[in-house]
N, C-alpha and C. Protein backbone atom coordinates (compact mmCIF):
# COMPACT_ATOMS: atom_id res chain seq x y z
N MET A 1 60.48 74.33 114.33
CA MET A 1 60.71 75.71 114.67
C MET A 1 60.73 76.53 113.39
N GLU A 2 59.99 77.60 113.41
CA GLU A 2 59.88 78.47 112.25
C GLU A 2 60.78 79.69 112.44
N ILE A 3 61.58 80.03 111.40
CA ILE A 3 62.49 81.18 111.45
C ILE A 3 61.81 82.34 110.75
N HIS A 4 61.85 83.47 111.43
CA HIS A 4 61.24 84.68 110.89
C HIS A 4 61.97 85.08 109.62
N PRO A 5 61.26 85.53 108.57
CA PRO A 5 61.91 85.91 107.30
C PRO A 5 62.95 87.03 107.44
N LEU A 6 62.77 87.94 108.38
CA LEU A 6 63.74 89.01 108.57
C LEU A 6 65.08 88.48 109.08
N ILE A 7 65.03 87.43 109.88
CA ILE A 7 66.27 86.82 110.38
C ILE A 7 67.01 86.15 109.22
N ILE A 8 66.27 85.49 108.33
CA ILE A 8 66.90 84.87 107.16
C ILE A 8 67.50 85.95 106.26
N GLN A 9 66.78 87.04 106.07
CA GLN A 9 67.28 88.14 105.24
C GLN A 9 68.54 88.75 105.86
N PHE A 10 68.53 88.94 107.17
CA PHE A 10 69.67 89.49 107.88
C PHE A 10 70.90 88.58 107.74
N GLY A 11 70.71 87.29 107.92
CA GLY A 11 71.80 86.32 107.78
C GLY A 11 72.35 86.30 106.36
N GLY A 12 71.47 86.36 105.37
CA GLY A 12 71.91 86.40 103.98
C GLY A 12 72.70 87.66 103.67
N SER A 13 72.28 88.78 104.23
CA SER A 13 73.00 90.04 104.03
C SER A 13 74.39 89.97 104.65
N LEU A 14 74.49 89.39 105.84
CA LEU A 14 75.80 89.24 106.47
C LEU A 14 76.72 88.36 105.63
N LEU A 15 76.20 87.28 105.10
CA LEU A 15 77.00 86.40 104.26
C LEU A 15 77.46 87.12 102.99
N ALA A 16 76.59 87.92 102.40
CA ALA A 16 76.95 88.66 101.19
C ALA A 16 78.03 89.69 101.49
N ILE A 17 77.92 90.38 102.61
CA ILE A 17 78.93 91.36 103.00
C ILE A 17 80.27 90.67 103.23
N PHE A 18 80.26 89.55 103.90
CA PHE A 18 81.49 88.80 104.15
C PHE A 18 82.12 88.32 102.83
N ALA A 19 81.28 87.89 101.90
CA ALA A 19 81.78 87.44 100.61
C ALA A 19 82.43 88.60 99.85
N LEU A 20 81.83 89.79 99.90
CA LEU A 20 82.42 90.97 99.25
C LEU A 20 83.74 91.37 99.92
N PHE A 21 83.80 91.23 101.23
CA PHE A 21 85.04 91.50 101.96
C PHE A 21 86.15 90.56 101.48
N LEU A 22 85.84 89.28 101.38
CA LEU A 22 86.84 88.31 100.93
C LEU A 22 87.27 88.58 99.49
N LEU A 23 86.33 88.97 98.64
CA LEU A 23 86.66 89.30 97.25
C LEU A 23 87.59 90.51 97.18
N ALA A 24 87.32 91.53 97.98
CA ALA A 24 88.17 92.73 98.01
C ALA A 24 89.58 92.38 98.50
N ARG A 25 89.69 91.54 99.50
CA ARG A 25 91.00 91.11 99.99
C ARG A 25 91.74 90.33 98.93
N TRP A 26 91.04 89.43 98.25
CA TRP A 26 91.66 88.60 97.22
C TRP A 26 92.15 89.45 96.05
N LEU A 27 91.40 90.50 95.69
CA LEU A 27 91.79 91.41 94.61
C LEU A 27 92.78 92.48 95.07
N LYS A 28 93.08 92.48 96.38
CA LYS A 28 94.01 93.45 96.98
C LYS A 28 93.56 94.88 96.75
N LEU A 29 92.28 95.12 96.96
CA LEU A 29 91.73 96.47 96.83
C LEU A 29 91.92 97.23 98.13
N GLY A 30 91.91 98.53 98.05
CA GLY A 30 92.05 99.36 99.24
C GLY A 30 93.50 99.47 99.65
N GLY A 31 93.76 99.44 100.91
CA GLY A 31 95.11 99.57 101.41
C GLY A 31 95.48 101.01 101.65
N LYS A 32 96.73 101.22 102.05
CA LYS A 32 97.22 102.56 102.32
C LYS A 32 98.40 102.86 101.41
N PRO A 33 98.20 103.71 100.41
CA PRO A 33 99.31 104.05 99.53
C PRO A 33 100.35 104.89 100.28
N LYS A 34 101.58 104.85 99.81
CA LYS A 34 102.66 105.62 100.43
C LYS A 34 103.38 106.45 99.38
N LEU A 35 103.77 107.63 99.81
CA LEU A 35 104.66 108.47 99.00
C LEU A 35 106.07 108.18 99.48
N SER A 36 106.77 107.31 98.79
CA SER A 36 108.09 106.91 99.25
C SER A 36 109.22 107.40 98.35
N THR A 37 108.87 107.97 97.19
CA THR A 37 109.90 108.45 96.27
C THR A 37 109.56 109.84 95.77
N GLU A 38 110.58 110.53 95.29
CA GLU A 38 110.35 111.86 94.71
C GLU A 38 109.51 111.76 93.44
N ASP A 39 109.65 110.67 92.70
CA ASP A 39 108.82 110.48 91.50
C ASP A 39 107.34 110.39 91.87
N GLY A 40 107.04 109.75 92.99
CA GLY A 40 105.65 109.69 93.46
C GLY A 40 105.12 111.06 93.81
N VAL A 41 105.96 111.88 94.45
CA VAL A 41 105.56 113.25 94.79
C VAL A 41 105.33 114.06 93.51
N ARG A 42 106.21 113.90 92.52
CA ARG A 42 106.04 114.61 91.25
C ARG A 42 104.72 114.23 90.58
N ARG A 43 104.41 112.95 90.59
CA ARG A 43 103.17 112.48 89.96
C ARG A 43 101.95 113.08 90.66
N VAL A 44 101.92 113.01 92.00
CA VAL A 44 100.77 113.53 92.74
C VAL A 44 100.67 115.04 92.61
N ALA A 45 101.80 115.75 92.69
CA ALA A 45 101.78 117.22 92.54
C ALA A 45 101.27 117.60 91.16
N GLY A 46 101.65 116.83 90.14
CA GLY A 46 101.15 117.10 88.79
C GLY A 46 99.67 116.84 88.65
N GLU A 47 99.13 115.95 89.48
CA GLU A 47 97.69 115.71 89.48
C GLU A 47 96.94 116.82 90.21
N VAL A 48 97.55 117.38 91.25
CA VAL A 48 96.92 118.47 92.01
C VAL A 48 96.86 119.73 91.16
N ILE A 49 97.99 120.10 90.54
CA ILE A 49 98.05 121.26 89.66
C ILE A 49 98.70 120.81 88.36
N ASP A 50 97.96 120.87 87.30
CA ASP A 50 98.46 120.43 86.01
C ASP A 50 99.68 121.26 85.62
N GLY A 51 100.76 120.58 85.30
CA GLY A 51 101.97 121.25 84.88
C GLY A 51 102.90 121.67 86.01
N PHE A 52 102.57 121.34 87.25
CA PHE A 52 103.42 121.67 88.39
C PHE A 52 104.70 120.85 88.30
N GLU A 53 105.84 121.52 88.18
CA GLU A 53 107.13 120.84 88.06
C GLU A 53 107.89 120.97 89.38
N VAL A 54 108.07 119.87 90.06
CA VAL A 54 108.72 119.85 91.37
C VAL A 54 110.22 120.06 91.22
N VAL A 55 110.75 121.05 91.96
CA VAL A 55 112.20 121.25 92.00
C VAL A 55 112.77 120.84 93.35
N ALA A 56 111.92 120.78 94.38
CA ALA A 56 112.35 120.33 95.71
C ALA A 56 111.15 119.71 96.41
N CYS A 57 111.42 118.68 97.18
CA CYS A 57 110.32 118.07 97.92
C CYS A 57 110.82 117.52 99.25
N ALA A 58 109.90 117.37 100.17
CA ALA A 58 110.18 116.79 101.48
C ALA A 58 109.15 115.70 101.71
N LEU A 59 109.64 114.49 101.95
CA LEU A 59 108.77 113.34 102.19
C LEU A 59 108.67 113.07 103.68
N ASP A 60 107.48 112.76 104.14
CA ASP A 60 107.29 112.34 105.52
C ASP A 60 107.85 110.93 105.69
N ASP A 61 108.43 110.65 106.85
CA ASP A 61 109.00 109.32 107.12
C ASP A 61 107.99 108.19 106.95
N THR A 62 106.73 108.47 107.24
CA THR A 62 105.70 107.42 107.17
C THR A 62 105.14 107.24 105.76
N GLY A 63 105.45 108.16 104.86
CA GLY A 63 104.93 108.08 103.49
C GLY A 63 103.51 108.58 103.35
N SER A 64 103.00 109.24 104.38
CA SER A 64 101.62 109.69 104.33
C SER A 64 101.45 111.15 103.91
N ALA A 65 102.56 111.89 103.77
CA ALA A 65 102.46 113.30 103.40
C ALA A 65 103.75 113.77 102.74
N ALA A 66 103.66 114.92 102.08
CA ALA A 66 104.84 115.50 101.43
C ALA A 66 104.61 116.98 101.18
N LEU A 67 105.71 117.69 101.01
CA LEU A 67 105.70 119.08 100.56
C LEU A 67 106.47 119.13 99.25
N ALA A 68 106.01 119.95 98.32
CA ALA A 68 106.69 120.08 97.03
C ALA A 68 106.72 121.55 96.63
N ARG A 69 107.87 121.98 96.08
CA ARG A 69 108.03 123.37 95.63
C ARG A 69 108.41 123.36 94.16
N ASP A 70 107.89 124.34 93.41
CA ASP A 70 108.26 124.44 91.99
C ASP A 70 109.20 125.63 91.79
N HIS A 71 109.57 125.89 90.54
CA HIS A 71 110.51 126.95 90.21
C HIS A 71 109.95 128.36 90.47
N GLU A 72 108.64 128.48 90.65
CA GLU A 72 108.02 129.77 90.98
C GLU A 72 107.85 129.95 92.48
N ASP A 73 108.44 129.05 93.27
CA ASP A 73 108.35 129.04 94.74
C ASP A 73 106.94 128.81 95.26
N ARG A 74 106.09 128.20 94.44
CA ARG A 74 104.78 127.76 94.92
C ARG A 74 104.99 126.46 95.69
N ILE A 75 104.22 126.26 96.75
CA ILE A 75 104.38 125.06 97.57
C ILE A 75 103.04 124.33 97.65
N ILE A 76 103.11 123.02 97.44
CA ILE A 76 101.93 122.16 97.56
C ILE A 76 102.12 121.28 98.78
N LEU A 77 101.07 121.17 99.59
CA LEU A 77 101.02 120.24 100.70
C LEU A 77 100.19 119.05 100.26
N ILE A 78 100.74 117.86 100.39
CA ILE A 78 100.07 116.63 99.97
C ILE A 78 99.90 115.73 101.19
N LYS A 79 98.71 115.13 101.31
CA LYS A 79 98.49 114.17 102.39
C LYS A 79 97.62 113.02 101.89
N ARG A 80 97.72 111.90 102.60
CA ARG A 80 96.89 110.75 102.25
C ARG A 80 95.46 111.05 102.69
N HIS A 81 94.54 110.73 101.81
CA HIS A 81 93.11 110.92 102.08
C HIS A 81 92.42 109.63 101.66
N GLY A 82 92.15 108.76 102.62
CA GLY A 82 91.60 107.44 102.31
C GLY A 82 92.67 106.61 101.63
N ASN A 83 92.39 106.08 100.45
CA ASN A 83 93.40 105.30 99.74
C ASN A 83 93.95 106.07 98.53
N LYS A 84 93.85 107.39 98.59
CA LYS A 84 94.40 108.25 97.55
C LYS A 84 95.15 109.40 98.22
N PHE A 85 95.66 110.30 97.43
CA PHE A 85 96.33 111.48 97.97
C PHE A 85 95.60 112.73 97.53
N ALA A 86 95.56 113.72 98.43
CA ALA A 86 94.96 115.01 98.14
C ALA A 86 96.02 116.08 98.38
N GLY A 87 95.90 117.19 97.70
CA GLY A 87 96.89 118.25 97.86
C GLY A 87 96.26 119.62 97.79
N ARG A 88 96.95 120.58 98.39
CA ARG A 88 96.52 121.97 98.35
C ARG A 88 97.71 122.85 98.03
N LEU A 89 97.49 123.82 97.17
CA LEU A 89 98.49 124.84 96.92
C LEU A 89 98.41 125.81 98.09
N LEU A 90 99.52 125.98 98.78
CA LEU A 90 99.52 126.85 99.97
C LEU A 90 99.57 128.31 99.54
N ASN A 91 98.91 129.14 100.36
CA ASN A 91 98.90 130.58 100.10
C ASN A 91 99.28 131.32 101.37
N GLN A 92 99.04 132.62 101.41
CA GLN A 92 99.46 133.44 102.55
C GLN A 92 98.75 133.08 103.85
N ARG A 93 97.65 132.34 103.80
CA ARG A 93 96.97 131.92 105.03
C ARG A 93 97.66 130.73 105.69
N ALA A 94 98.51 130.03 104.96
CA ALA A 94 99.19 128.85 105.49
C ALA A 94 100.24 129.26 106.52
N ARG A 95 100.41 128.43 107.54
CA ARG A 95 101.40 128.66 108.59
C ARG A 95 102.10 127.35 108.88
N ALA A 96 103.36 127.45 109.33
CA ALA A 96 104.12 126.26 109.68
C ALA A 96 104.95 126.53 110.92
N LYS A 97 105.16 125.48 111.71
CA LYS A 97 106.05 125.58 112.86
C LYS A 97 106.80 124.25 112.99
N THR A 98 107.95 124.31 113.63
CA THR A 98 108.79 123.12 113.79
C THR A 98 109.01 122.85 115.27
N TRP A 99 109.33 121.60 115.57
CA TRP A 99 109.73 121.25 116.93
C TRP A 99 110.38 119.88 116.94
N ARG A 100 111.03 119.61 118.06
CA ARG A 100 111.68 118.34 118.31
C ARG A 100 111.22 117.87 119.68
N ASP A 101 110.89 116.59 119.81
CA ASP A 101 110.49 116.06 121.11
C ASP A 101 111.70 115.96 122.03
N SER A 102 111.52 116.33 123.28
CA SER A 102 112.61 116.22 124.24
C SER A 102 112.54 114.91 125.02
N HIS A 103 111.41 114.24 124.94
CA HIS A 103 111.25 112.97 125.66
C HIS A 103 112.20 111.93 125.06
N PRO A 104 112.95 111.20 125.91
CA PRO A 104 113.95 110.26 125.37
C PRO A 104 113.38 109.12 124.53
N GLU A 105 112.15 108.73 124.78
CA GLU A 105 111.56 107.63 124.02
C GLU A 105 110.85 108.12 122.76
N ALA A 106 110.69 109.41 122.64
CA ALA A 106 110.01 109.98 121.46
C ALA A 106 110.96 109.99 120.28
N ARG A 107 110.39 110.14 119.13
CA ARG A 107 111.22 110.23 117.92
C ARG A 107 112.06 111.49 117.98
N ARG A 108 113.33 111.35 117.70
CA ARG A 108 114.26 112.47 117.75
C ARG A 108 114.24 113.31 116.48
N ARG A 109 113.62 112.81 115.46
CA ARG A 109 113.62 113.50 114.18
C ARG A 109 112.78 114.77 114.27
N PRO A 110 113.26 115.87 113.74
CA PRO A 110 112.47 117.11 113.78
C PRO A 110 111.23 116.99 112.89
N ARG A 111 110.24 117.75 113.22
CA ARG A 111 109.01 117.73 112.42
C ARG A 111 108.54 119.14 112.13
N VAL A 112 107.76 119.22 111.09
CA VAL A 112 107.14 120.48 110.72
C VAL A 112 105.63 120.24 110.67
N MET A 113 104.89 121.12 111.34
CA MET A 113 103.44 121.06 111.32
C MET A 113 102.96 122.19 110.42
N VAL A 114 102.20 121.83 109.39
CA VAL A 114 101.73 122.80 108.41
C VAL A 114 100.22 122.93 108.53
N ASP A 115 99.78 124.15 108.79
CA ASP A 115 98.35 124.47 108.76
C ASP A 115 98.08 125.05 107.39
N SER A 116 97.31 124.35 106.58
CA SER A 116 97.09 124.75 105.19
C SER A 116 96.32 126.05 105.04
N GLY A 117 95.65 126.48 106.09
CA GLY A 117 94.80 127.66 105.98
C GLY A 117 93.42 127.32 105.44
N ASP A 118 93.22 126.09 105.06
CA ASP A 118 91.95 125.59 104.54
C ASP A 118 91.35 124.68 105.61
N THR A 119 90.23 125.08 106.20
CA THR A 119 89.67 124.31 107.31
C THR A 119 89.27 122.90 106.89
N LEU A 120 88.90 122.71 105.64
CA LEU A 120 88.53 121.37 105.18
C LEU A 120 89.74 120.47 104.98
N PHE A 121 90.89 121.05 104.65
CA PHE A 121 92.10 120.26 104.45
C PHE A 121 92.84 120.02 105.76
N GLY A 122 92.83 121.02 106.63
CA GLY A 122 93.38 120.86 107.97
C GLY A 122 94.89 121.00 108.07
N GLN A 123 95.41 120.41 109.16
CA GLN A 123 96.83 120.47 109.47
C GLN A 123 97.49 119.14 109.16
N VAL A 124 98.76 119.21 108.80
CA VAL A 124 99.54 118.00 108.50
C VAL A 124 100.88 118.13 109.19
N THR A 125 101.31 117.05 109.85
CA THR A 125 102.62 117.01 110.49
C THR A 125 103.51 116.06 109.72
N LEU A 126 104.70 116.53 109.38
CA LEU A 126 105.66 115.72 108.63
C LEU A 126 106.95 115.56 109.43
N PHE A 127 107.45 114.33 109.54
CA PHE A 127 108.77 114.05 110.05
C PHE A 127 109.68 114.05 108.83
N THR A 128 110.52 115.05 108.71
CA THR A 128 111.31 115.19 107.49
C THR A 128 112.62 115.90 107.74
N ASP A 129 113.49 115.86 106.74
CA ASP A 129 114.76 116.59 106.82
C ASP A 129 114.50 118.08 106.61
N ASP A 130 115.29 118.89 107.26
CA ASP A 130 115.29 120.34 107.09
C ASP A 130 113.91 120.98 107.25
N PRO A 131 113.22 120.71 108.36
CA PRO A 131 111.89 121.29 108.53
C PRO A 131 111.92 122.81 108.70
N GLU A 132 113.03 123.34 109.24
CA GLU A 132 113.11 124.79 109.45
C GLU A 132 113.03 125.54 108.11
N ALA A 133 113.74 125.04 107.10
CA ALA A 133 113.72 125.71 105.80
C ALA A 133 112.32 125.67 105.18
N TRP A 134 111.64 124.54 105.31
CA TRP A 134 110.28 124.44 104.78
C TRP A 134 109.33 125.35 105.53
N ALA A 135 109.46 125.41 106.87
CA ALA A 135 108.60 126.30 107.66
C ALA A 135 108.83 127.75 107.28
N ASP A 136 110.09 128.14 107.11
CA ASP A 136 110.40 129.52 106.71
C ASP A 136 109.80 129.84 105.34
N ALA A 137 109.91 128.91 104.40
CA ALA A 137 109.35 129.13 103.05
C ALA A 137 107.84 129.25 103.09
N ILE A 138 107.19 128.43 103.90
CA ILE A 138 105.72 128.48 103.99
C ILE A 138 105.27 129.77 104.67
N ASN A 139 105.94 130.14 105.75
CA ASN A 139 105.57 131.36 106.47
C ASN A 139 105.87 132.63 105.67
N ALA A 140 106.73 132.53 104.66
CA ALA A 140 107.06 133.70 103.82
C ALA A 140 106.07 133.88 102.67
N LEU A 141 105.16 132.94 102.48
CA LEU A 141 104.20 133.05 101.35
C LEU A 141 103.31 134.28 101.51
């Protein structure tokens, strides 16, 4: 029985892809980073805007997003984007609202939904402490 060369090429390509997958797992590449500390928020905010000094921050319970404010009352919204973090300095187009689920099985923690005003960045929902104060600060920009 003769095997068509394209089938051999296809099989070899699949083996190569699988080998690269195993190599990436072994090297522990990729994954989902988390913002779990204020120091992490400070580092990411400093990467978004050079010299941004965080005086207050709100971390999402899942570690996938954060809000940070500096001494000039500028606010940065940070969210996970792939295996890195991206951030936007919020302006007067940004809006925020808060709510709590009434369903008994839902999370009781209050949340704040922030619309960055940037269609490419989108909306981010954070489960965090004191969402009302953050929403008021964002809506006052």
